[in-house]
Amino acid sequence: MLTILIYIGAAAAEIAGCFAFWAWLRLDKPVWWIAPGIASLVLFAYLLTLAEAPFAGRAYAAYGGVYIIASLVWLWVIEGARPDRWDAIGAAVCLVGAAIILFGPRGA
């Protein structure tokens, strides 16, 4: 359960950090927007190191499903565009894949 919370925090930090750059470059926000964006991306990278996984690649792969869900929540809550059924179906498929990666039985 802690890993899921870490992934949710990492997703929020990554999306916020990337959005800061998006806002600066695409929405004509001031250049100082990148400072909190960089801090947010550093937090994202740190949080991923806390995930309970013996291999970084597996932690990142499982995180991907959570990131997709978080991105659609961002789309809806922050940007005001409601995800459609195809967004929801795609996100559900990705979340199932992330759960398989994260919780699947592993041989010794």
C-alpha atoms as a PDB file:
ATOM      1  CA  MET A   1       0.000   0.000   0.000  1.00  0.00           C
ATOM      2  CA  LEU A   2       2.881   2.363   0.742  1.00  0.00           C
ATOM      3  CA  THR A   3       4.225   1.831  -2.779  1.00  0.00           C
ATOM      4  CA  ILE A   4       0.893   2.909  -4.268  1.00  0.00           C
ATOM      5  CA  LEU A   5       0.962   6.097  -2.182  1.00  0.00           C
ATOM      6  CA  ILE A   6       4.544   6.737  -3.290  1.00  0.00           C
ATOM      7  CA  TYR A   7       3.505   6.293  -6.921  1.00  0.00           C
ATOM      8  CA  ILE A   8       0.593   8.703  -6.493  1.00  0.00           C
ATOM      9  CA  GLY A   9       2.899  11.315  -4.963  1.00  0.00           C
ATOM     10  CA  ALA A  10       5.494  10.754  -7.675  1.00  0.00           C
ATOM     11  CA  ALA A  11       2.856  11.118 -10.388  1.00  0.00           C
ATOM     12  CA  ALA A  12       1.587  14.385  -8.931  1.00  0.00           C
ATOM     13  CA  ALA A  13       5.134  15.726  -8.695  1.00  0.00           C
ATOM     14  CA  GLU A  14       6.054  14.633 -12.228  1.00  0.00           C
ATOM     15  CA  ILE A  15       2.918  16.002 -13.829  1.00  0.00           C
ATOM     16  CA  ALA A  16       3.183  19.305 -11.952  1.00  0.00           C
ATOM     17  CA  GLY A  17       6.845  19.629 -12.922  1.00  0.00           C
ATOM     18  CA  CYS A  18       6.222  18.876 -16.566  1.00  0.00           C
ATOM     19  CA  PHE A  19       3.186  21.148 -16.615  1.00  0.00           C
ATOM     20  CA  ALA A  20       5.333  24.020 -15.348  1.00  0.00           C
ATOM     21  CA  PHE A  21       7.479  23.693 -18.461  1.00  0.00           C
ATOM     22  CA  TRP A  22       4.376  23.271 -20.639  1.00  0.00           C
ATOM     23  CA  ALA A  23       2.896  26.443 -19.154  1.00  0.00           C
ATOM     24  CA  TRP A  24       6.099  28.408 -19.742  1.00  0.00           C
ATOM     25  CA  LEU A  25       6.636  27.215 -23.310  1.00  0.00           C
ATOM     26  CA  ARG A  26       3.056  26.748 -24.555  1.00  0.00           C
ATOM     27  CA  LEU A  27       0.903  29.001 -22.378  1.00  0.00           C
ATOM     28  CA  ASP A  28       3.244  32.013 -22.228  1.00  0.00           C
ATOM     29  CA  LYS A  29       3.726  31.874 -18.458  1.00  0.00           C
ATOM     30  CA  PRO A  30       6.786  33.658 -17.006  1.00  0.00           C
ATOM     31  CA  VAL A  31      10.144  31.883 -17.096  1.00  0.00           C
ATOM     32  CA  TRP A  32      10.197  31.627 -13.289  1.00  0.00           C
ATOM     33  CA  TRP A  33       7.560  28.865 -13.607  1.00  0.00           C
ATOM     34  CA  ILE A  34      10.400  26.459 -14.375  1.00  0.00           C
ATOM     35  CA  ALA A  35      11.950  26.848 -10.892  1.00  0.00           C
ATOM     36  CA  PRO A  36       9.101  25.095  -9.041  1.00  0.00           C
ATOM     37  CA  GLY A  37       8.873  22.745 -12.019  1.00  0.00           C
ATOM     38  CA  ILE A  38      12.468  21.630 -11.520  1.00  0.00           C
ATOM     39  CA  ALA A  39      11.924  21.209  -7.778  1.00  0.00           C
ATOM     40  CA  SER A  40       8.841  19.138  -8.475  1.00  0.00           C
ATOM     41  CA  LEU A  41      10.740  16.896 -10.906  1.00  0.00           C
ATOM     42  CA  VAL A  42      13.501  16.382  -8.322  1.00  0.00           C
ATOM     43  CA  LEU A  43      10.839  15.355  -5.801  1.00  0.00           C
ATOM     44  CA  PHE A  44       9.376  12.960  -8.369  1.00  0.00           C
ATOM     45  CA  ALA A  45      12.737  11.261  -8.904  1.00  0.00           C
ATOM     46  CA  TYR A  46      13.340  10.997  -5.154  1.00  0.00           C
ATOM     47  CA  LEU A  47       9.908   9.507  -4.492  1.00  0.00           C
ATOM     48  CA  LEU A  48      10.442   6.765  -7.062  1.00  0.00           C
ATOM     49  CA  THR A  49      13.554   5.650  -5.186  1.00  0.00           C
ATOM     50  CA  LEU A  50      11.321   4.905  -2.183  1.00  0.00           C
ATOM     51  CA  ALA A  51       9.198   2.343  -4.041  1.00  0.00           C
ATOM     52  CA  GLU A  52       9.500  -1.217  -2.757  1.00  0.00           C
ATOM     53  CA  ALA A  53      10.969  -2.913  -5.805  1.00  0.00           C
ATOM     54  CA  PRO A  54      14.273  -4.725  -6.188  1.00  0.00           C
ATOM     55  CA  PHE A  55      14.831  -3.307  -9.696  1.00  0.00           C
ATOM     56  CA  ALA A  56      14.400   0.258 -10.905  1.00  0.00           C
ATOM     57  CA  GLY A  57      13.018  -0.785 -14.285  1.00  0.00           C
ATOM     58  CA  ARG A  58      10.204  -2.775 -12.684  1.00  0.00           C
ATOM     59  CA  ALA A  59       9.378   0.096 -10.333  1.00  0.00           C
ATOM     60  CA  TYR A  60       9.224   2.500 -13.281  1.00  0.00           C
ATOM     61  CA  ALA A  61       7.100   0.135 -15.367  1.00  0.00           C
ATOM     62  CA  ALA A  62       4.551  -0.338 -12.588  1.00  0.00           C
ATOM     63  CA  TYR A  63       4.551   3.415 -11.941  1.00  0.00           C
ATOM     64  CA  GLY A  64       3.570   4.014 -15.561  1.00  0.00           C
ATOM     65  CA  GLY A  65       0.013   2.817 -14.995  1.00  0.00           C
ATOM     66  CA  VAL A  66      -0.436   5.103 -12.014  1.00  0.00           C
ATOM     67  CA  TYR A  67       1.016   7.999 -14.026  1.00  0.00           C
ATOM     68  CA  ILE A  68      -1.561   7.489 -16.779  1.00  0.00           C
ATOM     69  CA  ILE A  69      -4.448   7.583 -14.297  1.00  0.00           C
ATOM     70  CA  ALA A  70      -2.972  10.669 -12.611  1.00  0.00           C
ATOM     71  CA  SER A  71      -2.553  12.375 -15.987  1.00  0.00           C
ATOM     72  CA  LEU A  72      -6.235  11.912 -16.751  1.00  0.00           C
ATOM     73  CA  VAL A  73      -7.178  13.238 -13.314  1.00  0.00           C
ATOM     74  CA  TRP A  74      -4.963  16.270 -14.060  1.00  0.00           C
ATOM     75  CA  LEU A  75      -6.657  16.666 -17.445  1.00  0.00           C
ATOM     76  CA  TRP A  76     -10.044  16.765 -15.759  1.00  0.00           C
ATOM     77  CA  VAL A  77      -9.347  18.682 -12.529  1.00  0.00           C
ATOM     78  CA  ILE A  78      -6.661  21.151 -13.597  1.00  0.00           C
ATOM     79  CA  GLU A  79      -7.291  21.596 -17.321  1.00  0.00           C
ATOM     80  CA  GLY A  80     -11.061  21.209 -17.226  1.00  0.00           C
ATOM     81  CA  ALA A  81     -11.313  18.606 -20.008  1.00  0.00           C
ATOM     82  CA  ARG A  82     -13.310  15.555 -18.982  1.00  0.00           C
ATOM     83  CA  PRO A  83     -11.736  12.251 -20.053  1.00  0.00           C
ATOM     84  CA  ASP A  84     -13.907  10.224 -22.407  1.00  0.00           C
ATOM     85  CA  ARG A  85     -14.703   6.513 -22.260  1.00  0.00           C
ATOM     86  CA  TRP A  86     -11.660   5.633 -24.362  1.00  0.00           C
ATOM     87  CA  ASP A  87      -9.428   7.463 -21.911  1.00  0.00           C
ATOM     88  CA  ALA A  88     -11.041   5.515 -19.068  1.00  0.00           C
ATOM     89  CA  ILE A  89     -10.763   2.150 -20.845  1.00  0.00           C
ATOM     90  CA  GLY A  90      -7.128   2.753 -21.776  1.00  0.00           C
ATOM     91  CA  ALA A  91      -6.275   3.874 -18.265  1.00  0.00           C
ATOM     92  CA  ALA A  92      -7.967   0.809 -16.755  1.00  0.00           C
ATOM     93  CA  VAL A  93      -5.973  -1.498 -19.024  1.00  0.00           C
ATOM     94  CA  CYS A  94      -2.752   0.272 -18.024  1.00  0.00           C
ATOM     95  CA  LEU A  95      -3.607   0.093 -14.328  1.00  0.00           C
ATOM     96  CA  VAL A  96      -4.245  -3.649 -14.588  1.00  0.00           C
ATOM     97  CA  GLY A  97      -0.866  -4.016 -16.296  1.00  0.00           C
ATOM     98  CA  ALA A  98       0.840  -1.995 -13.573  1.00  0.00           C
ATOM     99  CA  ALA A  99      -0.781  -4.174 -10.892  1.00  0.00           C
ATOM    100  CA  ILE A 100       0.429  -7.322 -12.635  1.00  0.00           C
ATOM    101  CA  ILE A 101       3.957  -5.944 -12.776  1.00  0.00           C
ATOM    102  CA  LEU A 102       3.885  -4.760  -9.176  1.00  0.00           C
ATOM    103  CA  PHE A 103       2.087  -7.634  -7.478  1.00  0.00           C
ATOM    104  CA  GLY A 104       2.737 -10.602  -9.766  1.00  0.00           C
ATOM    105  CA  PRO A 105       4.368 -13.620  -8.109  1.00  0.00           C
ATOM    106  CA  ARG A 106       8.074 -13.801  -8.745  1.00  0.00           C
ATOM    107  CA  GLY A 107      10.222 -16.888  -8.687  1.00  0.00           C
ATOM    108  CA  ALA A 108      13.234 -17.031  -6.426  1.00  0.00           C
END
